[in-house]
Amino acid sequence: MKKGLIFLGMLILTGFGTIFLIRFLRDGDFYYVEFVTSIIGLIMICVGIFLKMGSNSTNDSY
């Protein structure tokens, strides 16, 4: 699931983030939906990375 979360986040960020940047730089328009969606993709990538790092470390205190 961790790789899927990272992959889906990268897919969302690439798709909506690229469209957002092109429209913002070309026309100067700020589309909130594309901006929020690309931020959600970035958050999904961060959560996937943190879950992946957390599963690699072993906790022997239990």
C-alpha atoms as a PDB file:
ATOM      1  CA  MET A   1       0.000   0.000   0.000  1.00  0.00           C
ATOM      2  CA  LYS A   2       2.873   2.360   0.692  1.00  0.00           C
ATOM      3  CA  LYS A   3       4.155   2.171  -2.858  1.00  0.00           C
ATOM      4  CA  GLY A   4       0.632   2.607  -4.163  1.00  0.00           C
ATOM      5  CA  LEU A   5       0.139   5.710  -2.034  1.00  0.00           C
ATOM      6  CA  ILE A   6       3.408   7.192  -3.277  1.00  0.00           C
ATOM      7  CA  PHE A   7       2.578   6.300  -6.887  1.00  0.00           C
ATOM      8  CA  LEU A   8      -0.938   7.758  -6.681  1.00  0.00           C
ATOM      9  CA  GLY A   9       0.380  10.917  -5.021  1.00  0.00           C
ATOM     10  CA  MET A  10       3.010  11.356  -7.726  1.00  0.00           C
ATOM     11  CA  LEU A  11       0.392  10.786 -10.411  1.00  0.00           C
ATOM     12  CA  ILE A  12      -1.961  13.379  -8.917  1.00  0.00           C
ATOM     13  CA  LEU A  13       0.851  15.864  -8.298  1.00  0.00           C
ATOM     14  CA  THR A  14       2.249  15.446 -11.797  1.00  0.00           C
ATOM     15  CA  GLY A  15      -1.109  15.773 -13.509  1.00  0.00           C
ATOM     16  CA  PHE A  16      -2.738  18.579 -11.592  1.00  0.00           C
ATOM     17  CA  GLY A  17       0.459  20.360 -10.542  1.00  0.00           C
ATOM     18  CA  THR A  18       1.703  20.609 -14.114  1.00  0.00           C
ATOM     19  CA  ILE A  19      -1.638  21.922 -15.364  1.00  0.00           C
ATOM     20  CA  PHE A  20      -1.730  24.404 -12.488  1.00  0.00           C
ATOM     21  CA  LEU A  21       1.779  25.697 -13.204  1.00  0.00           C
ATOM     22  CA  ILE A  22       1.207  25.998 -16.940  1.00  0.00           C
ATOM     23  CA  ARG A  23      -2.033  27.938 -16.505  1.00  0.00           C
ATOM     24  CA  PHE A  24      -0.577  30.106 -13.746  1.00  0.00           C
ATOM     25  CA  LEU A  25       2.558  31.030 -15.684  1.00  0.00           C
ATOM     26  CA  ARG A  26       0.892  31.385 -19.070  1.00  0.00           C
ATOM     27  CA  ASP A  27      -2.366  33.163 -18.169  1.00  0.00           C
ATOM     28  CA  GLY A  28      -1.750  34.343 -14.623  1.00  0.00           C
ATOM     29  CA  ASP A  29      -4.905  32.548 -13.453  1.00  0.00           C
ATOM     30  CA  PHE A  30      -4.949  30.861 -10.066  1.00  0.00           C
ATOM     31  CA  TYR A  31      -7.189  27.796 -10.038  1.00  0.00           C
ATOM     32  CA  TYR A  32      -7.937  26.747  -6.482  1.00  0.00           C
ATOM     33  CA  VAL A  33      -9.155  23.240  -7.293  1.00  0.00           C
ATOM     34  CA  GLU A  34      -5.978  22.296  -9.162  1.00  0.00           C
ATOM     35  CA  PHE A  35      -3.817  23.883  -6.470  1.00  0.00           C
ATOM     36  CA  VAL A  36      -5.594  22.023  -3.652  1.00  0.00           C
ATOM     37  CA  THR A  37      -5.502  18.757  -5.599  1.00  0.00           C
ATOM     38  CA  SER A  38      -1.762  19.064  -6.180  1.00  0.00           C
ATOM     39  CA  ILE A  39      -1.249  19.808  -2.458  1.00  0.00           C
ATOM     40  CA  ILE A  40      -3.257  16.657  -1.643  1.00  0.00           C
ATOM     41  CA  GLY A  41      -0.950  14.703  -3.973  1.00  0.00           C
ATOM     42  CA  LEU A  42       2.079  16.133  -2.170  1.00  0.00           C
ATOM     43  CA  ILE A  43       0.607  15.156   1.188  1.00  0.00           C
ATOM     44  CA  MET A  44      -0.041  11.626  -0.090  1.00  0.00           C
ATOM     45  CA  ILE A  45       3.599  11.333  -1.163  1.00  0.00           C
ATOM     46  CA  CYS A  46       4.813  12.512   2.255  1.00  0.00           C
ATOM     47  CA  VAL A  47       2.512  10.118   4.118  1.00  0.00           C
ATOM     48  CA  GLY A  48       3.648   7.219   1.924  1.00  0.00           C
ATOM     49  CA  ILE A  49       7.305   8.038   2.543  1.00  0.00           C
ATOM     50  CA  PHE A  50       6.775   8.334   6.309  1.00  0.00           C
ATOM     51  CA  LEU A  51       4.888   5.023   6.378  1.00  0.00           C
ATOM     52  CA  LYS A  52       7.655   3.390   4.387  1.00  0.00           C
ATOM     53  CA  MET A  53      10.331   4.749   6.733  1.00  0.00           C
ATOM     54  CA  GLY A  54       8.318   3.698   9.796  1.00  0.00           C
ATOM     55  CA  SER A  55       7.912   0.139   8.604  1.00  0.00           C
ATOM     56  CA  ASN A  56      11.648  -0.232   7.968  1.00  0.00           C
ATOM     57  CA  SER A  57      12.619   0.618  11.533  1.00  0.00           C
ATOM     58  CA  THR A  58      12.066  -2.125  14.080  1.00  0.00           C
ATOM     59  CA  ASN A  59      10.905  -1.274  17.556  1.00  0.00           C
ATOM     60  CA  ASP A  60      12.022  -3.839  20.136  1.00  0.00           C
ATOM     61  CA  SER A  61      10.384  -2.106  23.102  1.00  0.00           C
ATOM     62  CA  TYR A  62       7.203  -4.211  22.858  1.00  0.00           C
END
